[in-house]
C-alpha cells in the first residue's frame, strides 16, 4: 500500500475540519465554548475532542482507501491540532493575541473575531495553516520526501535534476 502524501492528508484533514466545525459541533458547544469558567472550558474541550475524532475518522477512511497512514505521527499531529483548536476557540486567548498585533485588537473587537478565529484554525478565506502543519507531521515528511515526490530525470526541461547527488544517487 502506498504511503499517504502530505497532500492526501491535508485534503482529508481539511474536509474533516469543515465537517467537524459545522456539522459535528453542537449548538451548545458553539454557544458556550467561549464562555469564562468551567462551562466554557468543558464545551470547548468537548468540541476539540469531537474535532479530533472527526479528523481521525477521515484519516481512517484515507487509510481504508489504499493510502497508508502512519498512526503514531498521526496521533501526535491530531493531539497538537486539538490543543491549538481549543486555544483558538476559547476566544479570550485569541483576543489576547489580537491585542498584541498592531491593528488587530480593534479589528477583533469590531466584529473581526470570527475571521481571526477562522484564520487561526485555517478555515474560510485564510490559508489553512493548522491543517497544513498537521498534514506534514502526520505524513512523516523526511529528507527522502523530495525524491519520492519528484520523478524527474536528468535532462527534464521542466525540472532539471543532476545525474548524481543526495536526491538522485548513482
N, C-alpha and C. Protein backbone atom coordinates (compact mmCIF):
# COMPACT_ATOMS: atom_id res chain seq x y z
N UNK A 1 0.85 -1.17 0.00
CA UNK A 1 0.00 0.00 0.00
C UNK A 1 0.90 1.24 0.00
N UNK A 2 0.67 2.18 -0.92
CA UNK A 2 1.50 3.40 -0.94
C UNK A 2 1.21 4.29 0.26
N UNK A 3 2.25 4.99 0.68
CA UNK A 3 2.12 5.90 1.82
C UNK A 3 1.32 7.14 1.41
N UNK A 4 0.47 7.62 2.28
CA UNK A 4 -0.29 8.85 2.03
C UNK A 4 0.67 10.02 1.93
N UNK A 5 0.45 10.88 0.97
CA UNK A 5 1.29 12.07 0.80
C UNK A 5 0.76 13.19 1.70
N UNK A 6 1.56 14.22 1.93
CA UNK A 6 1.04 15.36 2.69
C UNK A 6 -0.22 15.95 2.05
N UNK A 7 -0.30 15.94 0.72
CA UNK A 7 -1.50 16.45 0.05
C UNK A 7 -2.73 15.60 0.34
N UNK A 8 -2.55 14.28 0.36
CA UNK A 8 -3.67 13.38 0.70
C UNK A 8 -4.17 13.69 2.11
N UNK A 9 -3.23 13.81 3.02
CA UNK A 9 -3.58 14.02 4.43
C UNK A 9 -4.19 15.41 4.62
N UNK A 10 -3.62 16.40 3.94
CA UNK A 10 -4.17 17.75 4.03
C UNK A 10 -5.64 17.75 3.59
N UNK A 11 -5.92 17.12 2.44
CA UNK A 11 -7.29 17.11 1.93
C UNK A 11 -8.24 16.42 2.92
N UNK A 12 -7.80 15.32 3.49
CA UNK A 12 -8.63 14.60 4.46
C UNK A 12 -8.87 15.46 5.70
N UNK A 13 -7.83 16.10 6.21
CA UNK A 13 -7.97 16.92 7.41
C UNK A 13 -8.79 18.18 7.15
N UNK A 14 -8.62 18.78 5.99
CA UNK A 14 -9.37 19.99 5.67
C UNK A 14 -10.87 19.67 5.58
N UNK A 15 -11.20 18.59 4.88
CA UNK A 15 -12.60 18.20 4.77
C UNK A 15 -13.18 17.86 6.14
N UNK A 16 -12.41 17.13 6.94
CA UNK A 16 -12.87 16.76 8.28
C UNK A 16 -13.05 17.98 9.16
N UNK A 17 -12.21 18.98 8.97
CA UNK A 17 -12.33 20.21 9.77
C UNK A 17 -13.66 20.90 9.47
N UNK A 18 -14.01 20.96 8.20
CA UNK A 18 -15.29 21.59 7.83
C UNK A 18 -16.46 20.80 8.42
N UNK A 19 -16.41 19.49 8.31
CA UNK A 19 -17.47 18.65 8.86
C UNK A 19 -17.54 18.81 10.38
N UNK A 20 -16.39 18.77 11.04
CA UNK A 20 -16.35 18.87 12.50
C UNK A 20 -16.83 20.21 13.02
N UNK A 21 -16.45 21.28 12.35
CA UNK A 21 -16.82 22.61 12.83
C UNK A 21 -18.26 22.98 12.52
N UNK A 22 -18.80 22.46 11.43
CA UNK A 22 -20.13 22.90 11.03
C UNK A 22 -21.22 21.84 11.15
N UNK A 23 -20.88 20.55 11.23
CA UNK A 23 -21.88 19.51 11.34
C UNK A 23 -21.80 18.76 12.67
N UNK A 24 -20.60 18.49 13.13
CA UNK A 24 -20.44 17.70 14.36
C UNK A 24 -20.60 18.58 15.60
N UNK A 25 -20.10 19.80 15.55
CA UNK A 25 -20.21 20.70 16.70
C UNK A 25 -21.68 20.95 17.05
N UNK A 26 -22.02 20.81 18.31
CA UNK A 26 -23.40 21.05 18.74
C UNK A 26 -23.65 22.54 18.92
N UNK A 27 -24.92 22.91 18.94
CA UNK A 27 -25.27 24.30 19.18
C UNK A 27 -24.74 24.76 20.54
N UNK A 28 -24.87 23.90 21.53
CA UNK A 28 -24.40 24.25 22.88
C UNK A 28 -22.89 24.48 22.89
N UNK A 29 -22.14 23.62 22.22
CA UNK A 29 -20.70 23.82 22.16
C UNK A 29 -20.36 25.14 21.48
N UNK A 30 -21.03 25.43 20.37
CA UNK A 30 -20.78 26.67 19.64
C UNK A 30 -21.09 27.89 20.51
N UNK A 31 -22.17 27.82 21.27
CA UNK A 31 -22.57 28.94 22.13
C UNK A 31 -21.65 29.10 23.33
N UNK A 32 -21.28 27.98 23.96
CA UNK A 32 -20.61 28.03 25.27
C UNK A 32 -19.10 28.00 25.24
N UNK A 33 -18.47 27.59 24.13
CA UNK A 33 -17.02 27.36 24.14
C UNK A 33 -16.19 28.60 24.45
N UNK A 34 -16.73 29.78 24.27
CA UNK A 34 -16.00 30.99 24.58
C UNK A 34 -16.34 31.59 25.92
N UNK A 35 -17.24 30.97 26.67
CA UNK A 35 -17.64 31.50 27.98
C UNK A 35 -16.53 31.34 29.00
N UNK A 36 -16.49 32.24 29.98
CA UNK A 36 -15.49 32.08 31.04
C UNK A 36 -15.86 30.91 31.96
N UNK A 37 -14.88 30.41 32.66
CA UNK A 37 -15.12 29.37 33.66
C UNK A 37 -15.20 27.97 33.08
N UNK A 38 -15.62 27.05 33.96
CA UNK A 38 -15.65 25.64 33.58
C UNK A 38 -16.66 25.32 32.51
N UNK A 39 -17.75 26.03 32.49
CA UNK A 39 -18.76 25.78 31.46
C UNK A 39 -18.15 25.97 30.06
N UNK A 40 -17.43 27.06 29.88
CA UNK A 40 -16.77 27.33 28.60
C UNK A 40 -15.65 26.35 28.32
N UNK A 41 -14.85 26.04 29.33
CA UNK A 41 -13.74 25.10 29.13
C UNK A 41 -14.23 23.72 28.72
N UNK A 42 -15.27 23.24 29.40
CA UNK A 42 -15.81 21.92 29.08
C UNK A 42 -16.42 21.89 27.68
N UNK A 43 -17.17 22.92 27.32
CA UNK A 43 -17.77 22.97 25.99
C UNK A 43 -16.69 22.99 24.92
N UNK A 44 -15.65 23.77 25.14
CA UNK A 44 -14.57 23.86 24.17
C UNK A 44 -13.79 22.55 24.11
N UNK A 45 -13.58 21.93 25.27
CA UNK A 45 -12.89 20.64 25.30
C UNK A 45 -13.66 19.56 24.56
N UNK A 46 -14.97 19.54 24.74
CA UNK A 46 -15.81 18.57 24.02
C UNK A 46 -15.75 18.82 22.51
N UNK A 47 -15.77 20.08 22.14
CA UNK A 47 -15.69 20.41 20.72
C UNK A 47 -14.33 19.99 20.15
N UNK A 48 -13.25 20.29 20.85
CA UNK A 48 -11.91 19.91 20.36
C UNK A 48 -11.78 18.39 20.27
N UNK A 49 -12.34 17.66 21.23
CA UNK A 49 -12.30 16.20 21.19
C UNK A 49 -13.11 15.66 20.01
N UNK A 50 -14.27 16.26 19.75
CA UNK A 50 -15.09 15.83 18.61
C UNK A 50 -14.38 16.12 17.30
N UNK A 51 -13.68 17.25 17.24
CA UNK A 51 -12.91 17.59 16.04
C UNK A 51 -11.81 16.56 15.82
N UNK A 52 -11.10 16.21 16.88
CA UNK A 52 -10.01 15.21 16.76
C UNK A 52 -10.57 13.87 16.31
N UNK A 53 -11.71 13.47 16.84
CA UNK A 53 -12.33 12.20 16.45
C UNK A 53 -12.76 12.24 14.97
N UNK A 54 -13.30 13.36 14.54
CA UNK A 54 -13.72 13.50 13.15
C UNK A 54 -12.51 13.42 12.22
N UNK A 55 -11.42 14.06 12.61
CA UNK A 55 -10.21 14.03 11.79
C UNK A 55 -9.57 12.64 11.80
N UNK A 56 -9.63 11.95 12.94
CA UNK A 56 -9.10 10.58 12.99
C UNK A 56 -9.92 9.68 12.07
N UNK A 57 -11.23 9.87 12.05
CA UNK A 57 -12.09 9.08 11.16
C UNK A 57 -11.74 9.36 9.70
N UNK A 58 -11.45 10.61 9.37
CA UNK A 58 -11.08 10.95 7.99
C UNK A 58 -9.76 10.28 7.61
N UNK A 59 -8.80 10.27 8.53
CA UNK A 59 -7.54 9.58 8.25
C UNK A 59 -7.75 8.07 8.14
N UNK A 60 -8.68 7.53 8.92
CA UNK A 60 -9.02 6.12 8.79
C UNK A 60 -9.61 5.80 7.43
N UNK A 61 -10.47 6.67 6.93
CA UNK A 61 -11.03 6.49 5.59
C UNK A 61 -9.95 6.57 4.52
N UNK A 62 -9.01 7.49 4.71
CA UNK A 62 -7.89 7.61 3.78
C UNK A 62 -7.08 6.31 3.76
N UNK A 63 -6.82 5.77 4.94
CA UNK A 63 -6.08 4.51 5.05
C UNK A 63 -6.87 3.37 4.38
N UNK A 64 -8.17 3.33 4.63
CA UNK A 64 -9.01 2.28 4.04
C UNK A 64 -9.09 2.40 2.52
N UNK A 65 -8.86 3.61 2.00
CA UNK A 65 -8.91 3.81 0.55
C UNK A 65 -7.65 3.37 -0.16
N UNK A 66 -6.65 2.92 0.61
CA UNK A 66 -5.43 2.42 -0.01
C UNK A 66 -4.22 3.30 0.16
N UNK A 67 -4.30 4.33 0.98
CA UNK A 67 -3.15 5.20 1.27
C UNK A 67 -2.75 4.98 2.71
N UNK A 68 -1.56 4.43 2.93
CA UNK A 68 -1.12 4.09 4.28
C UNK A 68 -0.89 5.36 5.11
N UNK A 69 -1.47 5.37 6.29
CA UNK A 69 -1.29 6.46 7.25
C UNK A 69 -0.54 5.88 8.43
N UNK A 70 0.56 6.50 8.79
CA UNK A 70 1.35 6.07 9.95
C UNK A 70 0.69 6.62 11.20
N UNK A 71 0.22 5.73 12.07
CA UNK A 71 -0.65 6.14 13.17
C UNK A 71 0.05 6.87 14.29
N UNK A 72 1.29 6.58 14.60
CA UNK A 72 1.95 7.32 15.68
C UNK A 72 2.09 8.80 15.34
N UNK A 73 2.68 9.12 14.18
CA UNK A 73 2.77 10.55 13.83
C UNK A 73 1.39 11.20 13.69
N UNK A 74 0.42 10.44 13.18
CA UNK A 74 -0.92 10.99 13.04
C UNK A 74 -1.52 11.32 14.40
N UNK A 75 -1.31 10.45 15.38
CA UNK A 75 -1.84 10.68 16.73
C UNK A 75 -1.21 11.92 17.35
N UNK A 76 0.10 12.08 17.17
CA UNK A 76 0.79 13.27 17.70
C UNK A 76 0.26 14.53 17.01
N UNK A 77 0.09 14.44 15.68
CA UNK A 77 -0.41 15.59 14.93
C UNK A 77 -1.83 15.96 15.35
N UNK A 78 -2.68 14.95 15.54
CA UNK A 78 -4.06 15.23 15.94
C UNK A 78 -4.13 15.80 17.36
N UNK A 79 -3.24 15.35 18.23
CA UNK A 79 -3.21 15.91 19.59
C UNK A 79 -2.79 17.38 19.55
N UNK A 80 -1.76 17.69 18.77
CA UNK A 80 -1.32 19.09 18.63
C UNK A 80 -2.42 19.93 17.99
N UNK A 81 -3.10 19.37 17.01
CA UNK A 81 -4.19 20.05 16.34
C UNK A 81 -5.34 20.34 17.32
N UNK A 82 -5.67 19.37 18.16
CA UNK A 82 -6.75 19.56 19.14
C UNK A 82 -6.40 20.66 20.14
N UNK A 83 -5.15 20.68 20.59
CA UNK A 83 -4.72 21.71 21.55
C UNK A 83 -4.80 23.10 20.90
N UNK A 84 -4.32 23.22 19.67
CA UNK A 84 -4.35 24.53 19.01
C UNK A 84 -5.79 24.95 18.69
N UNK A 85 -6.64 23.99 18.37
CA UNK A 85 -8.04 24.31 18.10
C UNK A 85 -8.73 24.78 19.38
N UNK A 86 -8.47 24.10 20.47
CA UNK A 86 -9.02 24.51 21.77
C UNK A 86 -8.57 25.94 22.09
N UNK A 87 -7.28 26.20 21.90
CA UNK A 87 -6.72 27.51 22.21
C UNK A 87 -7.43 28.61 21.40
N UNK A 88 -7.60 28.38 20.11
CA UNK A 88 -8.21 29.41 19.26
C UNK A 88 -9.70 29.60 19.59
N UNK A 89 -10.38 28.51 19.91
CA UNK A 89 -11.83 28.61 20.15
C UNK A 89 -12.20 29.09 21.54
N UNK A 90 -11.26 29.25 22.43
CA UNK A 90 -11.60 29.78 23.76
C UNK A 90 -11.87 31.27 23.72
N UNK A 91 -11.60 31.93 22.65
CA UNK A 91 -11.88 33.35 22.40
C UNK A 91 -10.99 34.31 23.19
N UNK A 92 -10.89 34.14 24.50
CA UNK A 92 -10.07 35.08 25.28
C UNK A 92 -8.61 34.96 24.86
N UNK A 93 -8.17 33.78 24.52
CA UNK A 93 -6.79 33.59 24.08
C UNK A 93 -6.56 34.28 22.75
N UNK A 94 -7.50 34.13 21.84
CA UNK A 94 -7.39 34.76 20.53
C UNK A 94 -7.50 36.28 20.65
N UNK A 95 -8.35 36.76 21.54
CA UNK A 95 -8.47 38.21 21.76
C UNK A 95 -7.15 38.77 22.30
N UNK A 96 -6.52 38.02 23.20
CA UNK A 96 -5.22 38.45 23.74
C UNK A 96 -4.16 38.53 22.65
N UNK A 97 -4.14 37.55 21.77
CA UNK A 97 -3.18 37.58 20.66
C UNK A 97 -3.47 38.76 19.74
N UNK A 98 -4.75 39.00 19.45
CA UNK A 98 -5.12 40.12 18.56
C UNK A 98 -4.66 41.46 19.14
N UNK A 99 -4.74 41.60 20.46
CA UNK A 99 -4.32 42.85 21.09
C UNK A 99 -2.81 43.07 20.96
N UNK A 100 -2.05 42.00 20.85
CA UNK A 100 -0.60 42.12 20.72
C UNK A 100 -0.15 42.51 19.32
N UNK A 101 -0.99 42.29 18.31
CA UNK A 101 -0.64 42.56 16.92
C UNK A 101 -1.22 43.92 16.54
N UNK A 102 -0.37 44.86 16.12
CA UNK A 102 -0.87 46.19 15.77
C UNK A 102 -2.00 46.13 14.74
N UNK A 103 -3.11 46.80 15.09
CA UNK A 103 -4.25 46.89 14.19
C UNK A 103 -5.26 45.76 14.30
N UNK A 104 -4.92 44.70 15.02
CA UNK A 104 -5.84 43.56 15.10
C UNK A 104 -6.74 43.61 16.33
N UNK A 105 -6.34 44.30 17.38
CA UNK A 105 -7.18 44.37 18.57
C UNK A 105 -8.51 45.04 18.28
N UNK A 106 -8.47 46.17 17.58
CA UNK A 106 -9.69 46.87 17.19
C UNK A 106 -10.50 46.07 16.20
N UNK A 107 -9.82 45.43 15.27
CA UNK A 107 -10.50 44.60 14.27
C UNK A 107 -11.24 43.46 14.97
N UNK A 108 -10.61 42.84 15.94
CA UNK A 108 -11.24 41.75 16.70
C UNK A 108 -12.50 42.27 17.40
N UNK A 109 -12.36 43.42 18.08
CA UNK A 109 -13.47 43.98 18.84
C UNK A 109 -14.62 44.48 17.95
N UNK A 110 -14.30 44.89 16.73
CA UNK A 110 -15.31 45.45 15.83
C UNK A 110 -15.96 44.41 14.91
N UNK A 111 -15.96 43.17 15.33
CA UNK A 111 -16.64 42.13 14.54
C UNK A 111 -15.72 41.22 13.76
N UNK A 112 -14.42 41.40 13.89
CA UNK A 112 -13.48 40.55 13.14
C UNK A 112 -13.13 39.26 13.84
N UNK A 113 -13.67 39.04 15.04
CA UNK A 113 -13.33 37.84 15.81
C UNK A 113 -13.56 36.55 15.03
N UNK A 114 -14.71 36.38 14.37
CA UNK A 114 -14.90 35.11 13.64
C UNK A 114 -13.87 34.89 12.54
N UNK A 115 -13.44 35.98 11.89
CA UNK A 115 -12.47 35.83 10.80
C UNK A 115 -11.08 35.53 11.33
N UNK A 116 -10.72 36.12 12.45
CA UNK A 116 -9.43 35.78 13.05
C UNK A 116 -9.45 34.35 13.57
N UNK A 117 -10.58 33.92 14.12
CA UNK A 117 -10.72 32.53 14.56
C UNK A 117 -10.57 31.60 13.37
N UNK A 118 -11.27 31.89 12.29
CA UNK A 118 -11.19 31.05 11.10
C UNK A 118 -9.76 31.02 10.56
N UNK A 119 -9.09 32.15 10.58
CA UNK A 119 -7.72 32.20 10.07
C UNK A 119 -6.75 31.47 10.96
N UNK A 120 -6.94 31.54 12.26
CA UNK A 120 -6.04 30.85 13.18
C UNK A 120 -6.15 29.35 13.01
N UNK A 121 -7.33 28.88 12.73
CA UNK A 121 -7.53 27.44 12.59
C UNK A 121 -7.52 27.00 11.13
N UNK A 122 -7.29 27.94 10.22
CA UNK A 122 -7.18 27.57 8.83
C UNK A 122 -8.49 27.35 8.12
N UNK A 123 -9.48 28.13 8.43
CA UNK A 123 -10.79 27.95 7.80
C UNK A 123 -11.16 29.18 6.98
N UNK A 124 -12.19 29.05 6.19
CA UNK A 124 -12.78 30.09 5.35
C UNK A 124 -11.77 30.69 4.38
N UNK A 125 -11.56 32.01 4.45
CA UNK A 125 -10.77 32.70 3.42
C UNK A 125 -9.26 32.64 3.65
N UNK A 126 -8.86 32.32 4.84
CA UNK A 126 -7.45 32.40 5.18
C UNK A 126 -6.71 31.10 4.89
N UNK A 127 -5.37 31.19 4.78
CA UNK A 127 -4.60 29.98 4.48
C UNK A 127 -4.81 28.91 5.54
N UNK A 128 -4.97 27.67 5.14
CA UNK A 128 -5.23 26.59 6.08
C UNK A 128 -3.97 26.14 6.81
N UNK A 129 -3.49 26.97 7.71
CA UNK A 129 -2.24 26.70 8.40
C UNK A 129 -2.28 25.51 9.32
N UNK A 130 -3.32 25.41 10.13
CA UNK A 130 -3.39 24.32 11.10
C UNK A 130 -3.37 22.96 10.42
N UNK A 131 -4.16 22.80 9.36
CA UNK A 131 -4.22 21.52 8.68
C UNK A 131 -2.92 21.22 7.95
N UNK A 132 -2.28 22.25 7.39
CA UNK A 132 -1.02 22.02 6.69
C UNK A 132 0.05 21.50 7.64
N UNK A 133 0.14 22.11 8.81
CA UNK A 133 1.13 21.65 9.80
C UNK A 133 0.82 20.22 10.23
N UNK A 134 -0.44 19.93 10.50
CA UNK A 134 -0.82 18.58 10.91
C UNK A 134 -0.57 17.58 9.80
N UNK A 135 -0.82 17.96 8.55
CA UNK A 135 -0.60 17.05 7.43
C UNK A 135 0.87 16.68 7.29
N UNK A 136 1.74 17.68 7.43
CA UNK A 136 3.17 17.40 7.32
C UNK A 136 3.62 16.51 8.47
N UNK A 137 3.15 16.80 9.68
CA UNK A 137 3.52 15.95 10.82
C UNK A 137 3.01 14.53 10.64
N UNK A 138 1.77 14.41 10.22
CA UNK A 138 1.17 13.08 10.08
C UNK A 138 1.80 12.27 8.96
N UNK A 139 2.28 12.94 7.92
CA UNK A 139 2.87 12.24 6.78
C UNK A 139 4.32 11.85 7.03
N UNK A 140 4.89 12.28 8.13
CA UNK A 140 6.29 11.95 8.46
C UNK A 140 7.21 12.34 7.32
N UNK A 141 7.08 13.57 6.84
CA UNK A 141 7.93 14.01 5.74
C UNK A 141 9.38 14.01 6.21
N UNK A 142 10.23 13.41 5.43
CA UNK A 142 11.64 13.32 5.80
C UNK A 142 12.48 13.89 4.67
N UNK A 143 13.77 13.78 4.82
CA UNK A 143 14.67 14.28 3.78
C UNK A 143 14.52 13.49 2.49
N UNK A 144 13.97 12.30 2.57
CA UNK A 144 13.80 11.50 1.36
C UNK A 144 12.53 11.87 0.60
N UNK A 145 11.68 12.69 1.18
CA UNK A 145 10.42 13.04 0.53
C UNK A 145 10.60 13.68 -0.84
N UNK A 146 11.54 14.62 -1.03
CA UNK A 146 11.65 15.22 -2.36
C UNK A 146 11.91 14.19 -3.45
N UNK A 147 12.70 13.15 -3.15
CA UNK A 147 12.97 12.14 -4.16
C UNK A 147 11.70 11.35 -4.46
N UNK A 148 10.92 11.04 -3.44
CA UNK A 148 9.69 10.29 -3.66
C UNK A 148 8.68 11.11 -4.45
N UNK A 149 8.62 12.41 -4.19
CA UNK A 149 7.62 13.25 -4.83
C UNK A 149 8.02 13.67 -6.24
N UNK A 150 9.31 13.80 -6.49
CA UNK A 150 9.78 14.26 -7.79
C UNK A 150 10.29 13.07 -8.58
N UNK A 151 9.69 12.81 -9.69
CA UNK A 151 10.08 11.67 -10.52
C UNK A 151 10.86 12.13 -11.74
N UNK A 152 11.49 13.29 -11.66
CA UNK A 152 12.23 13.82 -12.79
C UNK A 152 13.47 13.00 -13.09
N UNK A 153 14.08 13.30 -14.20
CA UNK A 153 15.31 12.63 -14.57
C UNK A 153 16.22 13.66 -15.20
N UNK A 154 17.53 13.35 -15.30
CA UNK A 154 18.44 14.30 -15.94
C UNK A 154 17.94 14.64 -17.34
N UNK A 155 17.97 15.91 -17.67
CA UNK A 155 17.55 16.35 -18.99
C UNK A 155 16.11 16.83 -19.04
N UNK A 156 15.37 16.73 -17.93
CA UNK A 156 14.00 17.25 -17.91
C UNK A 156 14.03 18.74 -18.24
N UNK A 157 13.10 19.19 -19.06
CA UNK A 157 13.06 20.62 -19.37
C UNK A 157 12.30 21.40 -18.31
N UNK A 158 11.36 20.73 -17.63
CA UNK A 158 10.60 21.47 -16.62
C UNK A 158 11.35 21.51 -15.29
N UNK A 159 11.97 20.46 -14.93
CA UNK A 159 12.64 20.37 -13.63
C UNK A 159 13.95 19.62 -13.76
N UNK A 160 14.97 20.23 -14.33
CA UNK A 160 16.21 19.50 -14.49
C UNK A 160 16.78 19.07 -13.14
N UNK A 161 17.29 17.87 -13.10
CA UNK A 161 17.91 17.36 -11.87
C UNK A 161 19.27 16.81 -12.21
N UNK A 162 20.20 16.88 -11.27
CA UNK A 162 21.53 16.35 -11.56
C UNK A 162 21.48 14.81 -11.67
N UNK A 163 22.44 14.27 -12.41
CA UNK A 163 22.51 12.83 -12.57
C UNK A 163 22.88 12.16 -11.25
N UNK A 164 23.63 12.84 -10.41
CA UNK A 164 24.04 12.29 -9.11
C UNK A 164 23.82 13.36 -8.05
N UNK A 165 23.74 12.92 -6.83
CA UNK A 165 23.56 13.85 -5.74
C UNK A 165 22.73 13.23 -4.65
N UNK A 166 22.46 13.99 -3.58
CA UNK A 166 21.74 13.40 -2.45
C UNK A 166 20.32 12.95 -2.80
N UNK A 167 19.69 13.61 -3.76
CA UNK A 167 18.33 13.22 -4.11
C UNK A 167 18.30 12.15 -5.21
N UNK A 168 19.35 12.02 -5.95
CA UNK A 168 19.42 11.05 -7.05
C UNK A 168 20.75 10.32 -7.00
N UNK A 169 20.92 9.39 -6.09
CA UNK A 169 22.19 8.68 -6.02
C UNK A 169 22.42 7.84 -7.27
N UNK A 170 23.65 7.58 -7.53
CA UNK A 170 24.02 6.80 -8.73
C UNK A 170 23.55 5.36 -8.61
